[in-house]
Amino acid sequence: MIINATTITNEVSVILQTLYDYTVIAIHYLPVIKPYFVGIMEYLKPILVPVVPVYVTYKLALKFLDKKKLVKELLTTYRDLEFFYALEKEHVELHKLYINKSMKNTARDNVRNAENKVLSINNTPAKLKIKIANLEELDKKLQFPKK
């Protein structure tokens, strides 16, 4: 089933009408409040029926756009990490060429000790490739439907 704004609007309208009907039935047993409550519901019904579906659609669209934005930002971050791993590899090769030593572990130890930062094992180059592929697939799924 494809969910779009029209479907949501129709579903919310049916729910509101049902809620109104059940409320009127329940109020039937409260004779003192019944005329006032029914009057208020009759007065608000033309306002609520078109406004609620639009509001729900708006909230769903915002949620969708926020998720898409987060996926894009995470994908960019993973690609930046991938770049920095390639940069580190290039530095290692240059060090090997000029001083016959990679100095990778020395540089990592210096950063760890000086700045108190640790490189996690969750974003190794191999794991990054898998994460990037998964996020690209999710990004394609989050595209707006084409008509």
N, C-alpha and C. Protein backbone atom coordinates (compact mmCIF):
# COMPACT_ATOMS: atom_id res chain seq x y z
N MET A 1 0.84 -1.18 0.00
CA MET A 1 0.00 0.00 0.00
C MET A 1 0.88 1.24 0.00
N ILE A 2 0.60 2.15 -0.89
CA ILE A 2 1.36 3.39 -0.97
C ILE A 2 0.69 4.43 -0.08
N ILE A 3 1.49 5.00 0.81
CA ILE A 3 0.96 6.01 1.73
C ILE A 3 1.36 7.38 1.19
N ASN A 4 0.37 8.20 0.94
CA ASN A 4 0.63 9.57 0.51
C ASN A 4 -0.28 10.51 1.29
N ALA A 5 -0.21 11.79 0.96
CA ALA A 5 -0.97 12.79 1.71
C ALA A 5 -2.47 12.56 1.61
N THR A 6 -2.96 12.13 0.44
CA THR A 6 -4.40 11.90 0.28
C THR A 6 -4.86 10.75 1.16
N THR A 7 -4.08 9.67 1.19
CA THR A 7 -4.44 8.52 2.03
C THR A 7 -4.47 8.92 3.49
N ILE A 8 -3.46 9.65 3.92
CA ILE A 8 -3.40 10.08 5.32
C ILE A 8 -4.57 10.99 5.64
N THR A 9 -4.87 11.93 4.74
CA THR A 9 -5.99 12.84 4.94
C THR A 9 -7.29 12.08 5.09
N ASN A 10 -7.52 11.10 4.21
CA ASN A 10 -8.75 10.31 4.28
C ASN A 10 -8.83 9.51 5.57
N GLU A 11 -7.72 8.89 5.96
CA GLU A 11 -7.71 8.09 7.18
C GLU A 11 -7.97 8.95 8.42
N VAL A 12 -7.34 10.10 8.48
CA VAL A 12 -7.54 10.98 9.62
C VAL A 12 -8.97 11.49 9.66
N SER A 13 -9.55 11.80 8.50
CA SER A 13 -10.95 12.25 8.45
C SER A 13 -11.89 11.17 8.98
N VAL A 14 -11.64 9.92 8.58
CA VAL A 14 -12.47 8.81 9.06
C VAL A 14 -12.32 8.65 10.57
N ILE A 15 -11.09 8.75 11.06
CA ILE A 15 -10.85 8.63 12.50
C ILE A 15 -11.56 9.74 13.27
N LEU A 16 -11.46 10.97 12.77
CA LEU A 16 -12.13 12.08 13.44
C LEU A 16 -13.64 11.92 13.44
N GLN A 17 -14.20 11.48 12.31
CA GLN A 17 -15.64 11.28 12.23
C GLN A 17 -16.08 10.19 13.21
N THR A 18 -15.31 9.09 13.27
CA THR A 18 -15.63 8.01 14.20
C THR A 18 -15.53 8.49 15.64
N LEU A 19 -14.48 9.24 15.94
CA LEU A 19 -14.32 9.80 17.28
C LEU A 19 -15.50 10.70 17.64
N TYR A 20 -15.90 11.52 16.70
CA TYR A 20 -17.04 12.40 16.91
C TYR A 20 -18.30 11.57 17.18
N ASP A 21 -18.53 10.54 16.36
CA ASP A 21 -19.73 9.70 16.53
C ASP A 21 -19.74 9.03 17.89
N TYR A 22 -18.62 8.43 18.28
CA TYR A 22 -18.57 7.76 19.58
C TYR A 22 -18.71 8.74 20.74
N THR A 23 -18.16 9.92 20.58
CA THR A 23 -18.28 10.94 21.62
C THR A 23 -19.74 11.35 21.79
N VAL A 24 -20.44 11.53 20.67
CA VAL A 24 -21.86 11.91 20.74
C VAL A 24 -22.66 10.81 21.42
N ILE A 25 -22.35 9.55 21.10
CA ILE A 25 -23.06 8.43 21.74
C ILE A 25 -22.78 8.41 23.24
N ALA A 26 -21.51 8.61 23.62
CA ALA A 26 -21.14 8.59 25.04
C ALA A 26 -21.80 9.75 25.79
N ILE A 27 -21.83 10.89 25.15
CA ILE A 27 -22.41 12.07 25.79
C ILE A 27 -23.93 11.92 25.94
N HIS A 28 -24.52 11.06 25.15
CA HIS A 28 -25.97 10.84 25.21
C HIS A 28 -26.39 10.49 26.64
N TYR A 29 -25.50 9.86 27.36
CA TYR A 29 -25.83 9.45 28.73
C TYR A 29 -25.54 10.53 29.77
N LEU A 30 -25.05 11.66 29.33
CA LEU A 30 -24.80 12.78 30.24
C LEU A 30 -25.68 13.96 29.81
N PRO A 31 -26.96 13.96 30.20
CA PRO A 31 -27.90 14.95 29.68
C PRO A 31 -27.56 16.40 30.00
N VAL A 32 -26.87 16.66 31.08
CA VAL A 32 -26.58 18.05 31.43
C VAL A 32 -25.52 18.63 30.49
N ILE A 33 -24.49 17.87 30.19
CA ILE A 33 -23.37 18.36 29.39
C ILE A 33 -23.62 18.19 27.90
N LYS A 34 -24.47 17.27 27.54
CA LYS A 34 -24.67 16.89 26.14
C LYS A 34 -24.87 18.09 25.21
N PRO A 35 -25.79 19.00 25.46
CA PRO A 35 -26.02 20.06 24.48
C PRO A 35 -24.79 20.96 24.29
N TYR A 36 -24.07 21.21 25.37
CA TYR A 36 -22.90 22.07 25.25
C TYR A 36 -21.77 21.37 24.49
N PHE A 37 -21.52 20.12 24.85
CA PHE A 37 -20.44 19.38 24.21
C PHE A 37 -20.71 19.15 22.73
N VAL A 38 -21.95 18.77 22.41
CA VAL A 38 -22.31 18.55 21.00
C VAL A 38 -22.19 19.85 20.23
N GLY A 39 -22.59 20.94 20.85
CA GLY A 39 -22.46 22.24 20.19
C GLY A 39 -21.01 22.60 19.91
N ILE A 40 -20.16 22.35 20.89
CA ILE A 40 -18.73 22.63 20.70
C ILE A 40 -18.16 21.74 19.61
N MET A 41 -18.50 20.46 19.62
CA MET A 41 -18.00 19.53 18.60
C MET A 41 -18.50 19.92 17.21
N GLU A 42 -19.76 20.30 17.12
CA GLU A 42 -20.31 20.74 15.83
C GLU A 42 -19.60 22.00 15.35
N TYR A 43 -19.28 22.87 16.28
CA TYR A 43 -18.61 24.12 15.94
C TYR A 43 -17.17 23.86 15.48
N LEU A 44 -16.46 22.95 16.16
CA LEU A 44 -15.05 22.68 15.85
C LEU A 44 -14.85 21.72 14.68
N LYS A 45 -15.84 20.91 14.37
CA LYS A 45 -15.68 19.89 13.34
C LYS A 45 -15.23 20.47 11.99
N PRO A 46 -15.84 21.55 11.48
CA PRO A 46 -15.38 22.08 10.19
C PRO A 46 -13.95 22.61 10.24
N ILE A 47 -13.49 22.97 11.42
CA ILE A 47 -12.12 23.48 11.54
C ILE A 47 -11.13 22.33 11.67
N LEU A 48 -11.45 21.34 12.50
CA LEU A 48 -10.52 20.25 12.77
C LEU A 48 -10.36 19.28 11.61
N VAL A 49 -11.44 19.00 10.90
CA VAL A 49 -11.38 17.98 9.84
C VAL A 49 -10.35 18.34 8.78
N PRO A 50 -10.28 19.56 8.26
CA PRO A 50 -9.23 19.83 7.27
C PRO A 50 -7.85 20.12 7.89
N VAL A 51 -7.81 20.63 9.11
CA VAL A 51 -6.54 21.04 9.70
C VAL A 51 -5.71 19.86 10.20
N VAL A 52 -6.33 18.90 10.84
CA VAL A 52 -5.59 17.78 11.43
C VAL A 52 -4.85 16.96 10.37
N PRO A 53 -5.47 16.57 9.24
CA PRO A 53 -4.71 15.81 8.24
C PRO A 53 -3.53 16.60 7.66
N VAL A 54 -3.71 17.88 7.47
CA VAL A 54 -2.61 18.70 6.94
C VAL A 54 -1.47 18.74 7.95
N TYR A 55 -1.79 18.89 9.22
CA TYR A 55 -0.77 18.92 10.26
C TYR A 55 -0.03 17.59 10.35
N VAL A 56 -0.76 16.49 10.29
CA VAL A 56 -0.14 15.16 10.35
C VAL A 56 0.78 14.96 9.15
N THR A 57 0.32 15.35 7.97
CA THR A 57 1.14 15.23 6.76
C THR A 57 2.41 16.08 6.89
N TYR A 58 2.26 17.27 7.40
CA TYR A 58 3.40 18.17 7.61
C TYR A 58 4.43 17.53 8.55
N LYS A 59 3.97 16.97 9.66
CA LYS A 59 4.87 16.34 10.62
C LYS A 59 5.58 15.13 10.01
N LEU A 60 4.85 14.32 9.23
CA LEU A 60 5.47 13.16 8.59
C LEU A 60 6.52 13.59 7.58
N ALA A 61 6.24 14.65 6.82
CA ALA A 61 7.20 15.15 5.84
C ALA A 61 8.46 15.66 6.54
N LEU A 62 8.29 16.36 7.65
CA LEU A 62 9.45 16.85 8.40
C LEU A 62 10.30 15.70 8.92
N LYS A 63 9.65 14.67 9.42
CA LYS A 63 10.38 13.50 9.93
C LYS A 63 11.18 12.85 8.80
N PHE A 64 10.55 12.71 7.62
CA PHE A 64 11.21 12.12 6.46
C PHE A 64 12.42 12.96 6.05
N LEU A 65 12.25 14.28 5.99
CA LEU A 65 13.34 15.16 5.57
C LEU A 65 14.48 15.15 6.59
N ASP A 66 14.15 15.10 7.88
CA ASP A 66 15.19 15.04 8.90
C ASP A 66 16.01 13.76 8.77
N LYS A 67 15.34 12.64 8.51
CA LYS A 67 16.04 11.37 8.36
C LYS A 67 16.95 11.42 7.14
N LYS A 68 16.46 11.98 6.04
CA LYS A 68 17.27 12.08 4.83
C LYS A 68 18.50 12.96 5.08
N LYS A 69 18.32 14.06 5.80
CA LYS A 69 19.43 14.95 6.10
C LYS A 69 20.48 14.24 6.96
N LEU A 70 20.04 13.50 7.96
CA LEU A 70 20.97 12.76 8.82
C LEU A 70 21.74 11.71 8.04
N VAL A 71 21.07 11.02 7.13
CA VAL A 71 21.75 10.01 6.30
C VAL A 71 22.81 10.68 5.45
N LYS A 72 22.50 11.83 4.85
CA LYS A 72 23.48 12.55 4.03
C LYS A 72 24.69 12.98 4.86
N GLU A 73 24.44 13.51 6.06
CA GLU A 73 25.54 13.96 6.92
C GLU A 73 26.42 12.79 7.37
N LEU A 74 25.80 11.67 7.73
CA LEU A 74 26.57 10.50 8.15
C LEU A 74 27.39 9.95 6.99
N LEU A 75 26.80 9.94 5.80
CA LEU A 75 27.50 9.47 4.61
C LEU A 75 28.72 10.36 4.33
N THR A 76 28.56 11.66 4.46
CA THR A 76 29.68 12.59 4.27
C THR A 76 30.77 12.34 5.31
N THR A 77 30.37 12.10 6.54
CA THR A 77 31.34 11.84 7.61
C THR A 77 32.13 10.57 7.33
N TYR A 78 31.45 9.51 6.91
CA TYR A 78 32.14 8.26 6.60
C TYR A 78 33.09 8.45 5.42
N ARG A 79 32.69 9.21 4.43
CA ARG A 79 33.58 9.46 3.29
C ARG A 79 34.80 10.28 3.72
N ASP A 80 34.60 11.22 4.65
CA ASP A 80 35.74 11.98 5.18
C ASP A 80 36.70 11.05 5.93
N LEU A 81 36.16 10.14 6.73
CA LEU A 81 37.02 9.17 7.42
C LEU A 81 37.80 8.32 6.42
N GLU A 82 37.12 7.92 5.37
CA GLU A 82 37.79 7.13 4.32
C GLU A 82 38.95 7.93 3.72
N PHE A 83 38.72 9.21 3.48
CA PHE A 83 39.77 10.08 2.95
C PHE A 83 40.95 10.17 3.91
N PHE A 84 40.66 10.33 5.21
CA PHE A 84 41.75 10.46 6.18
C PHE A 84 42.55 9.17 6.31
N TYR A 85 41.90 8.03 6.15
CA TYR A 85 42.65 6.77 6.14
C TYR A 85 43.58 6.71 4.92
N ALA A 86 43.09 7.16 3.77
CA ALA A 86 43.93 7.18 2.58
C ALA A 86 45.08 8.17 2.76
N LEU A 87 44.81 9.30 3.39
CA LEU A 87 45.85 10.28 3.67
C LEU A 87 46.91 9.71 4.60
N GLU A 88 46.46 9.00 5.64
CA GLU A 88 47.40 8.37 6.57
C GLU A 88 48.27 7.34 5.84
N LYS A 89 47.64 6.59 4.96
CA LYS A 89 48.39 5.58 4.19
C LYS A 89 49.46 6.25 3.33
N GLU A 90 49.12 7.37 2.72
CA GLU A 90 50.08 8.11 1.89
C GLU A 90 51.24 8.64 2.74
N HIS A 91 50.93 9.14 3.93
CA HIS A 91 51.99 9.61 4.83
C HIS A 91 52.92 8.46 5.23
N VAL A 92 52.34 7.31 5.49
CA VAL A 92 53.15 6.14 5.85
C VAL A 92 54.10 5.80 4.70
N GLU A 93 53.58 5.82 3.48
CA GLU A 93 54.43 5.51 2.31
C GLU A 93 55.56 6.54 2.16
N LEU A 94 55.25 7.81 2.40
CA LEU A 94 56.29 8.84 2.30
C LEU A 94 57.35 8.66 3.38
N HIS A 95 56.92 8.34 4.59
CA HIS A 95 57.89 8.09 5.66
C HIS A 95 58.77 6.89 5.33
N LYS A 96 58.17 5.84 4.80
CA LYS A 96 58.96 4.65 4.42
C LYS A 96 59.99 5.01 3.36
N LEU A 97 59.58 5.87 2.43
CA LEU A 97 60.46 6.25 1.33
C LEU A 97 61.66 7.05 1.84
N TYR A 98 61.44 7.97 2.78
CA TYR A 98 62.51 8.87 3.20
C TYR A 98 63.29 8.39 4.42
N ILE A 99 62.64 7.71 5.37
CA ILE A 99 63.39 7.30 6.57
C ILE A 99 63.27 5.80 6.84
N ASN A 100 62.74 5.05 5.90
CA ASN A 100 62.62 3.60 5.99
C ASN A 100 61.82 3.13 7.21
N LYS A 101 60.92 3.94 7.70
CA LYS A 101 60.07 3.61 8.83
C LYS A 101 58.70 4.22 8.60
N SER A 102 57.63 3.51 8.98
CA SER A 102 56.29 4.03 8.68
C SER A 102 55.88 5.17 9.61
N MET A 103 56.25 5.11 10.88
CA MET A 103 55.92 6.13 11.88
C MET A 103 54.42 6.24 12.17
N LYS A 104 53.61 5.31 11.63
CA LYS A 104 52.16 5.38 11.84
C LYS A 104 51.82 5.22 13.32
N ASN A 105 52.36 4.19 13.93
CA ASN A 105 52.06 3.95 15.34
C ASN A 105 52.61 5.07 16.23
N THR A 106 53.76 5.61 15.86
CA THR A 106 54.33 6.73 16.63
C THR A 106 53.40 7.94 16.56
N ALA A 107 52.91 8.24 15.36
CA ALA A 107 51.99 9.38 15.19
C ALA A 107 50.70 9.14 15.96
N ARG A 108 50.16 7.94 15.89
CA ARG A 108 48.92 7.63 16.62
C ARG A 108 49.13 7.73 18.13
N ASP A 109 50.28 7.25 18.60
CA ASP A 109 50.58 7.34 20.03
C ASP A 109 50.71 8.80 20.47
N ASN A 110 51.34 9.62 19.64
CA ASN A 110 51.48 11.05 19.97
C ASN A 110 50.12 11.73 20.09
N VAL A 111 49.23 11.44 19.16
CA VAL A 111 47.88 12.03 19.20
C VAL A 111 47.12 11.51 20.42
N ARG A 112 47.23 10.22 20.67
CA ARG A 112 46.54 9.61 21.81
C ARG A 112 47.00 10.24 23.12
N ASN A 113 48.29 10.45 23.26
CA ASN A 113 48.84 11.00 24.51
C ASN A 113 48.65 12.51 24.62
N ALA A 114 48.87 13.23 23.52
CA ALA A 114 48.81 14.70 23.57
C ALA A 114 47.37 15.21 23.64
N GLU A 115 46.48 14.63 22.86
CA GLU A 115 45.12 15.16 22.77
C GLU A 115 44.10 14.28 23.46
N ASN A 116 44.55 13.18 24.03
CA ASN A 116 43.65 12.28 24.77
C ASN A 116 42.52 11.74 23.89
N LYS A 117 42.84 11.41 22.65
CA LYS A 117 41.85 10.87 21.72
C LYS A 117 42.26 9.48 21.30
N VAL A 118 41.25 8.62 21.12
CA VAL A 118 41.50 7.22 20.78
C VAL A 118 40.79 6.90 19.48
N LEU A 119 41.47 6.14 18.64
CA LEU A 119 40.87 5.68 17.38
C LEU A 119 40.10 4.39 17.66
N SER A 120 38.80 4.42 17.39
CA SER A 120 37.99 3.23 17.67
C SER A 120 38.20 2.18 16.59
N ILE A 121 37.83 0.95 16.92
CA ILE A 121 37.96 -0.12 15.93
C ILE A 121 36.65 -0.28 15.15
N ASN A 122 35.67 0.60 15.40
CA ASN A 122 34.38 0.48 14.72
C ASN A 122 34.40 1.06 13.32
N ASN A 123 35.40 1.87 13.00
CA ASN A 123 35.45 2.51 11.69
C ASN A 123 36.75 2.21 10.96
N THR A 124 37.07 0.94 10.86
CA THR A 124 38.24 0.54 10.09
C THR A 124 37.92 0.74 8.61
N PRO A 125 38.93 0.81 7.74
CA PRO A 125 38.65 1.01 6.32
C PRO A 125 37.68 -0.02 5.73
N ALA A 126 37.82 -1.27 6.11
CA ALA A 126 36.91 -2.31 5.58
C ALA A 126 35.48 -2.09 6.07
N LYS A 127 35.33 -1.77 7.35
CA LYS A 127 33.99 -1.53 7.90
C LYS A 127 33.37 -0.26 7.30
N LEU A 128 34.22 0.74 7.02
CA LEU A 128 33.71 1.97 6.41
C LEU A 128 33.11 1.70 5.04
N LYS A 129 33.76 0.86 4.25
CA LYS A 129 33.23 0.55 2.92
C LYS A 129 31.84 -0.08 3.02
N ILE A 130 31.67 -0.97 3.97
CA ILE A 130 30.36 -1.62 4.16
C ILE A 130 29.33 -0.59 4.62
N LYS A 131 29.71 0.26 5.57
CA LYS A 131 28.78 1.27 6.07
C LYS A 131 28.38 2.26 4.98
N ILE A 132 29.35 2.66 4.16
CA ILE A 132 29.05 3.60 3.07
C ILE A 132 28.11 2.96 2.07
N ALA A 133 28.35 1.70 1.73
CA ALA A 133 27.46 1.01 0.79
C ALA A 133 26.04 0.91 1.35
N ASN A 134 25.92 0.58 2.63
CA ASN A 134 24.59 0.48 3.26
C ASN A 134 23.89 1.84 3.28
N LEU A 135 24.63 2.90 3.60
CA LEU A 135 24.02 4.23 3.65
C LEU A 135 23.62 4.72 2.26
N GLU A 136 24.43 4.41 1.25
CA GLU A 136 24.06 4.81 -0.12
C GLU A 136 22.78 4.11 -0.55
N GLU A 137 22.64 2.85 -0.16
CA GLU A 137 21.41 2.11 -0.47
C GLU A 137 20.21 2.73 0.26
N LEU A 138 20.39 3.08 1.52
CA LEU A 138 19.32 3.72 2.29
C LEU A 138 18.98 5.09 1.71
N ASP A 139 19.99 5.81 1.26
CA ASP A 139 19.77 7.13 0.67
C ASP A 139 18.93 7.02 -0.60
N LYS A 140 19.17 5.98 -1.39
CA LYS A 140 18.36 5.76 -2.60
C LYS A 140 16.92 5.44 -2.24
N LYS A 141 16.72 4.68 -1.16
CA LYS A 141 15.35 4.34 -0.74
C LYS A 141 14.60 5.55 -0.23
N LEU A 142 15.32 6.54 0.29
CA LEU A 142 14.67 7.72 0.86
C LEU A 142 14.36 8.80 -0.17
N GLN A 143 14.62 8.51 -1.45
CA GLN A 143 14.30 9.49 -2.49
C GLN A 143 12.80 9.69 -2.56
N PHE A 144 12.39 10.90 -2.90
CA PHE A 144 10.97 11.15 -3.09
C PHE A 144 10.47 10.32 -4.27
N PRO A 145 9.26 9.77 -4.18
CA PRO A 145 8.75 8.96 -5.29
C PRO A 145 8.55 9.80 -6.54
N LYS A 146 8.93 9.23 -7.66
CA LYS A 146 8.77 9.92 -8.95
C LYS A 146 7.40 9.59 -9.52
N LYS A 147 6.79 10.58 -10.13
CA LYS A 147 5.45 10.36 -10.71
C LYS A 147 5.57 9.94 -12.16
